[in-house]
């Protein structure tokens, strides 16, 4: 006749150790606050790359517009020499502006994605996690920078094929990547800020289309600031796109630029954009 199975002997403090015993009694604290920011940014970037891996159509379609700008607008104005560019071919002058334009066009409608996440219930679930709102916005902003960076590579390849005299210095190309990501982060945050104000996709698309071309034409992407009317020069100086283009020209072409000022403005603009979009995230989720 078999007896009842013996109850398992509780582990002694010597077997578990004081450290392990404390771990069983008090669970480790979850990472909260700014400590989750790097992980959230990396996670969002990986998600965006996964989307591009499964559907590359967006890369091909978005490459059409910059190719047309460089092929038609750039080649034509290079021949007629209507815009003074400081002794460099106009298509060389134009190429950094088209890189910045392509990145902005990707980022400026990024708020549509966060509205879709709100409608699908995803945003509400993200907001109840310990992740701070600024981390969520930062992750989405720099994820848009990854997409813009891929687009920038496409434009650089097209420009090189057209004979644009670009630098291939690794340090300068790294600076180009940072400039593209910072500029895209600002414009995506601008889009998400607008999304937090208007709350609907239709309104966001209308406002995005209304401000995209004015931002582009009120910058130094197509022509030097010196030949602009006085009032447009003032607008250009408060337009972050102008600083992005100036930095790209200085890094890619070696033209005179104000890199320290350009990077400072882009970092400040991205920080302000993240703060503004984060403050409106709760309103968007309601």
Protein backbone atom coordinates (compact mmCIF):
# COMPACT_ATOMS: atom_id res chain seq x y z
CA UNK A 1 0.00 0.00 0.00
CA UNK A 2 1.64 3.19 -1.17
CA UNK A 3 1.52 6.24 0.96
CA UNK A 4 0.48 9.76 -0.12
CA UNK A 5 3.17 11.62 -2.08
CA UNK A 6 5.37 13.66 0.13
CA UNK A 7 4.89 17.39 -0.11
CA UNK A 8 7.80 19.18 -1.77
CA UNK A 9 10.30 20.44 0.75
CA UNK A 10 10.41 24.25 0.77
CA UNK A 11 13.68 25.64 -0.35
CA UNK A 12 15.81 27.01 2.38
CA UNK A 13 17.30 30.45 2.41
CA UNK A 14 20.68 28.81 1.86
CA UNK A 15 19.45 27.16 -1.38
CA UNK A 16 17.80 30.22 -2.78
CA UNK A 17 20.19 32.79 -1.47
CA UNK A 18 19.19 36.14 -0.06
CA UNK A 19 19.26 37.77 -3.47
CA UNK A 20 16.96 35.20 -5.06
CA UNK A 21 14.62 35.23 -2.05
CA UNK A 22 14.26 39.00 -2.36
CA UNK A 23 13.57 38.59 -6.06
CA UNK A 24 10.71 36.17 -5.30
CA UNK A 25 9.18 38.43 -2.68
CA UNK A 26 9.64 41.72 -4.54
CA UNK A 27 9.35 41.51 -8.35
CA UNK A 28 11.76 43.65 -10.35
CA UNK A 29 10.48 47.07 -11.23
CA UNK A 30 9.41 47.56 -14.81
CA UNK A 31 11.35 50.05 -16.84
CA UNK A 32 9.44 53.29 -16.97
CA UNK A 33 9.96 56.87 -18.03
CA UNK A 34 12.82 57.83 -20.26
CA UNK A 35 14.58 54.49 -19.78
CA UNK A 36 12.24 52.89 -22.34
CA UNK A 37 12.81 55.59 -24.94
CA UNK A 38 15.73 53.94 -26.80
CA UNK A 39 13.93 50.58 -26.90
CA UNK A 40 10.71 52.21 -28.16
CA UNK A 41 12.53 54.15 -30.88
CA UNK A 42 14.34 51.02 -32.08
CA UNK A 43 11.09 49.02 -32.00
CA UNK A 44 9.23 51.58 -34.10
CA UNK A 45 12.06 51.73 -36.62
CA UNK A 46 12.10 47.94 -36.94
CA UNK A 47 8.33 47.95 -37.53
CA UNK A 48 8.71 50.47 -40.35
CA UNK A 49 11.51 48.45 -41.94
CA UNK A 50 9.36 45.33 -41.75
CA UNK A 51 6.60 47.16 -43.62
CA UNK A 52 9.01 48.18 -46.36
CA UNK A 53 10.39 44.66 -46.63
CA UNK A 54 6.92 43.26 -47.28
CA UNK A 55 5.83 46.05 -49.65
CA UNK A 56 8.46 47.93 -51.64
CA UNK A 57 5.92 49.65 -53.89
CA UNK A 58 6.13 52.86 -51.86
CA UNK A 59 9.86 53.14 -52.52
CA UNK A 60 9.39 52.87 -56.27
CA UNK A 61 6.45 55.26 -56.50
CA UNK A 62 8.04 57.89 -54.28
CA UNK A 63 11.20 57.80 -56.40
CA UNK A 64 9.28 59.05 -59.44
CA UNK A 65 8.75 62.62 -58.25
CA UNK A 66 12.37 63.41 -57.25
CA UNK A 67 13.55 61.81 -60.49
CA UNK A 68 11.28 64.14 -62.46
CA UNK A 69 12.48 67.19 -60.51
CA UNK A 70 16.11 66.34 -61.22
CA UNK A 71 15.62 65.22 -64.82
CA UNK A 72 13.27 67.95 -66.04
CA UNK A 73 13.58 70.93 -63.71
CA UNK A 74 17.26 70.42 -62.90
CA UNK A 75 18.47 69.71 -66.42
CA UNK A 76 16.40 72.53 -67.96
CA UNK A 77 17.50 75.24 -65.54
CA UNK A 78 21.10 74.04 -65.77
CA UNK A 79 21.00 74.75 -69.50
CA UNK A 80 19.32 78.16 -69.35
CA UNK A 81 21.36 79.30 -66.31
CA UNK A 82 18.48 81.43 -65.06
CA UNK A 83 19.25 81.04 -61.35
CA UNK A 84 22.64 82.09 -59.92
CA UNK A 85 24.10 79.21 -57.92
CA UNK A 86 27.59 80.39 -57.07
CA UNK A 87 29.45 78.70 -59.90
CA UNK A 88 28.09 75.17 -59.50
CA UNK A 89 25.68 73.53 -61.99
CA UNK A 90 22.07 74.09 -61.06
CA UNK A 91 21.32 70.37 -60.92
CA UNK A 92 24.05 70.04 -58.27
CA UNK A 93 22.50 72.93 -56.36
CA UNK A 94 19.05 71.35 -56.68
CA UNK A 95 19.89 67.79 -55.59
CA UNK A 96 20.15 68.47 -51.81
CA UNK A 97 16.89 70.43 -51.96
CA UNK A 98 15.14 67.47 -53.60
CA UNK A 99 16.50 65.14 -50.89
CA UNK A 100 15.00 67.42 -48.24
CA UNK A 101 11.75 67.73 -50.19
CA UNK A 102 11.37 63.97 -50.54
CA UNK A 103 11.94 63.48 -46.81
CA UNK A 104 9.42 66.19 -45.95
CA UNK A 105 6.76 64.75 -48.27
CA UNK A 106 7.08 61.38 -46.49
CA UNK A 107 6.92 62.87 -42.99
CA UNK A 108 4.26 65.56 -43.41
CA UNK A 109 1.45 62.99 -43.73
CA UNK A 110 2.69 60.78 -40.91
CA UNK A 111 -0.16 61.94 -38.71
CA UNK A 112 -2.57 59.90 -40.84
CA UNK A 113 -0.97 56.76 -39.43
CA UNK A 114 -1.52 57.80 -35.83
CA UNK A 115 -5.17 58.66 -36.59
CA UNK A 116 -5.56 55.20 -38.13
CA UNK A 117 -4.07 53.68 -34.98
CA UNK A 118 -6.55 55.71 -32.93
CA UNK A 119 -9.46 54.43 -35.01
CA UNK A 120 -8.21 50.84 -34.75
CA UNK A 121 -7.87 51.05 -30.97
CA UNK A 122 -4.10 50.59 -31.05
CA UNK A 123 -3.30 54.05 -29.69
CA UNK A 124 -5.44 53.53 -26.58
CA UNK A 125 -3.60 50.30 -25.82
CA UNK A 126 -0.24 52.01 -26.24
CA UNK A 127 -1.21 54.82 -23.88
CA UNK A 128 -2.05 52.45 -21.01
CA UNK A 129 1.46 50.95 -21.09
CA UNK A 130 4.23 52.40 -18.89
CA UNK A 131 5.84 53.92 -21.98
CA UNK A 132 5.79 57.74 -21.75
CA UNK A 133 3.97 59.63 -24.45
CA UNK A 134 7.13 61.39 -25.52
CA UNK A 135 8.72 57.98 -26.12
CA UNK A 136 5.82 56.93 -28.36
CA UNK A 137 6.03 60.12 -30.37
CA UNK A 138 9.83 59.93 -30.58
CA UNK A 139 9.64 56.36 -31.82
CA UNK A 140 7.20 57.27 -34.57
CA UNK A 141 9.14 60.41 -35.47
CA UNK A 142 12.45 58.64 -35.90
CA UNK A 143 10.74 55.75 -37.67
CA UNK A 144 9.65 58.28 -40.29
CA UNK A 145 13.31 59.31 -40.41
CA UNK A 146 14.27 55.76 -41.35
CA UNK A 147 11.82 55.81 -44.27
CA UNK A 148 13.07 59.23 -45.32
CA UNK A 149 16.66 58.01 -45.13
CA UNK A 150 15.88 55.16 -47.53
CA UNK A 151 14.27 57.69 -49.86
CA UNK A 152 17.34 59.93 -49.56
CA UNK A 153 19.56 57.04 -50.69
CA UNK A 154 17.35 56.59 -53.76
CA UNK A 155 17.63 60.31 -54.62
CA UNK A 156 21.41 60.27 -54.10
CA UNK A 157 21.73 57.31 -56.48
CA UNK A 158 19.63 59.12 -59.11
CA UNK A 159 21.66 62.31 -58.66
CA UNK A 160 24.94 60.39 -58.99
CA UNK A 161 23.67 58.75 -62.19
CA UNK A 162 22.94 62.23 -63.59
CA UNK A 163 26.50 63.32 -62.87
CA UNK A 164 25.92 65.44 -59.77
CA UNK A 165 29.23 66.02 -57.98
CA UNK A 166 28.45 64.55 -54.57
CA UNK A 167 30.93 63.68 -51.86
CA UNK A 168 31.44 60.08 -50.77
CA UNK A 169 33.23 60.90 -47.54
CA UNK A 170 31.82 58.46 -44.92
CA UNK A 171 31.75 61.09 -42.14
CA UNK A 172 29.92 63.58 -44.35
CA UNK A 173 27.43 60.91 -45.44
CA UNK A 174 26.83 60.10 -41.78
CA UNK A 175 26.11 63.78 -41.21
CA UNK A 176 23.68 63.68 -44.14
CA UNK A 177 21.86 60.77 -42.52
CA UNK A 178 21.56 62.66 -39.22
CA UNK A 179 20.24 65.77 -41.01
CA UNK A 180 17.64 63.76 -42.92
CA UNK A 181 16.44 61.96 -39.78
CA UNK A 182 16.22 65.17 -37.73
CA UNK A 183 14.33 67.02 -40.45
CA UNK A 184 11.91 64.13 -40.93
CA UNK A 185 11.40 63.87 -37.17
CA UNK A 186 10.32 67.51 -37.04
CA UNK A 187 7.92 67.33 -39.98
CA UNK A 188 6.38 64.07 -38.78
CA UNK A 189 5.85 65.65 -35.34
CA UNK A 190 4.30 68.66 -37.05
CA UNK A 191 1.93 66.27 -38.81
CA UNK A 192 1.08 64.45 -35.56
CA UNK A 193 0.55 67.80 -33.83
CA UNK A 194 -1.92 68.81 -36.53
CA UNK A 195 -3.57 65.40 -36.15
CA UNK A 196 -4.04 66.10 -32.44
CA UNK A 197 -5.78 69.37 -33.31
CA UNK A 198 -8.01 68.41 -36.26
CA UNK A 199 -8.61 64.77 -35.16
CA UNK A 200 -9.69 63.48 -38.60
CA UNK A 201 -7.80 62.14 -41.60
CA UNK A 202 -9.64 64.27 -44.16
CA UNK A 203 -8.81 67.52 -42.38
CA UNK A 204 -5.21 66.43 -41.88
CA UNK A 205 -4.78 65.60 -45.55
CA UNK A 206 -6.23 68.98 -46.55
CA UNK A 207 -3.96 70.93 -44.20
CA UNK A 208 -0.95 68.81 -45.17
CA UNK A 209 -1.47 69.50 -48.85
CA UNK A 210 -1.99 73.21 -48.10
CA UNK A 211 1.30 73.66 -46.21
CA UNK A 212 3.62 71.28 -48.08
CA UNK A 213 4.30 73.34 -51.19
CA UNK A 214 4.52 76.70 -49.33
CA UNK A 215 7.13 75.16 -47.01
CA UNK A 216 9.04 73.89 -50.04
CA UNK A 217 8.91 77.10 -52.08
CA UNK A 218 9.59 79.30 -49.02
CA UNK A 219 12.94 77.61 -48.50
CA UNK A 220 16.29 77.62 -50.26
CA UNK A 221 15.63 74.27 -51.93
CA UNK A 222 15.11 75.72 -55.42
CA UNK A 223 16.97 79.05 -55.31
CA UNK A 224 19.37 80.95 -53.06
CA UNK A 225 17.93 83.04 -50.26
CA UNK A 226 19.75 86.12 -51.62
CA UNK A 227 17.52 86.39 -54.70
CA UNK A 228 14.25 86.10 -52.75
CA UNK A 229 12.05 89.12 -51.98
CA UNK A 230 12.64 90.56 -48.53
CA UNK A 231 9.45 89.15 -47.00
CA UNK A 232 10.21 85.68 -48.37
CA UNK A 233 13.72 85.82 -46.92
CA UNK A 234 12.17 86.37 -43.49
CA UNK A 235 9.89 83.35 -43.98
CA UNK A 236 12.83 81.27 -45.19
CA UNK A 237 14.85 82.06 -42.08
CA UNK A 238 12.15 80.62 -39.80
CA UNK A 239 11.54 77.60 -42.04
CA UNK A 240 13.37 74.49 -40.70
CA UNK A 241 13.52 73.10 -44.23
CA UNK A 242 15.95 75.89 -45.17
CA UNK A 243 18.40 74.80 -42.47
CA UNK A 244 18.07 71.19 -43.54
CA UNK A 245 18.85 72.06 -47.16
CA UNK A 246 21.75 74.31 -46.14
CA UNK A 247 23.29 71.47 -44.11
CA UNK A 248 22.79 68.97 -46.93
CA UNK A 249 24.47 71.27 -49.44
CA UNK A 250 27.41 71.87 -47.15
CA UNK A 251 27.87 68.16 -46.48
CA UNK A 252 27.21 66.77 -49.97
CA UNK A 253 28.66 69.53 -52.16
CA UNK A 254 31.11 71.28 -49.85
CA UNK A 255 29.49 74.67 -50.44
CA UNK A 256 29.70 77.38 -47.73
CA UNK A 257 27.17 76.59 -45.00
CA UNK A 258 26.48 77.09 -41.30
CA UNK A 259 26.54 73.49 -40.09
CA UNK A 260 26.61 74.27 -36.36
CA UNK A 261 23.58 76.57 -36.69
CA UNK A 262 21.81 74.12 -39.02
CA UNK A 263 22.21 71.17 -36.65
CA UNK A 264 21.22 73.31 -33.67
CA UNK A 265 18.00 74.49 -35.33
CA UNK A 266 17.09 70.97 -36.47
CA UNK A 267 17.67 69.47 -33.01
CA UNK A 268 15.65 72.25 -31.38
CA UNK A 269 12.85 71.92 -33.95
CA UNK A 270 12.67 68.14 -33.43
CA UNK A 271 12.57 68.56 -29.63
CA UNK A 272 9.81 71.19 -29.82
CA UNK A 273 7.88 69.02 -32.27
CA UNK A 274 8.09 65.98 -29.98
CA UNK A 275 6.92 68.04 -27.00
CA UNK A 276 3.99 69.55 -28.93
CA UNK A 277 2.82 66.24 -30.39
CA UNK A 278 3.17 64.50 -27.01
CA UNK A 279 1.01 67.11 -25.30
CA UNK A 280 -1.82 66.52 -27.80
CA UNK A 281 -1.61 62.73 -27.86
CA UNK A 282 -4.15 62.32 -25.07
CA UNK A 283 -6.62 64.60 -26.87
CA UNK A 284 -6.23 62.53 -30.02
CA UNK A 285 -6.91 59.29 -28.15
CA UNK A 286 -10.16 60.53 -26.55
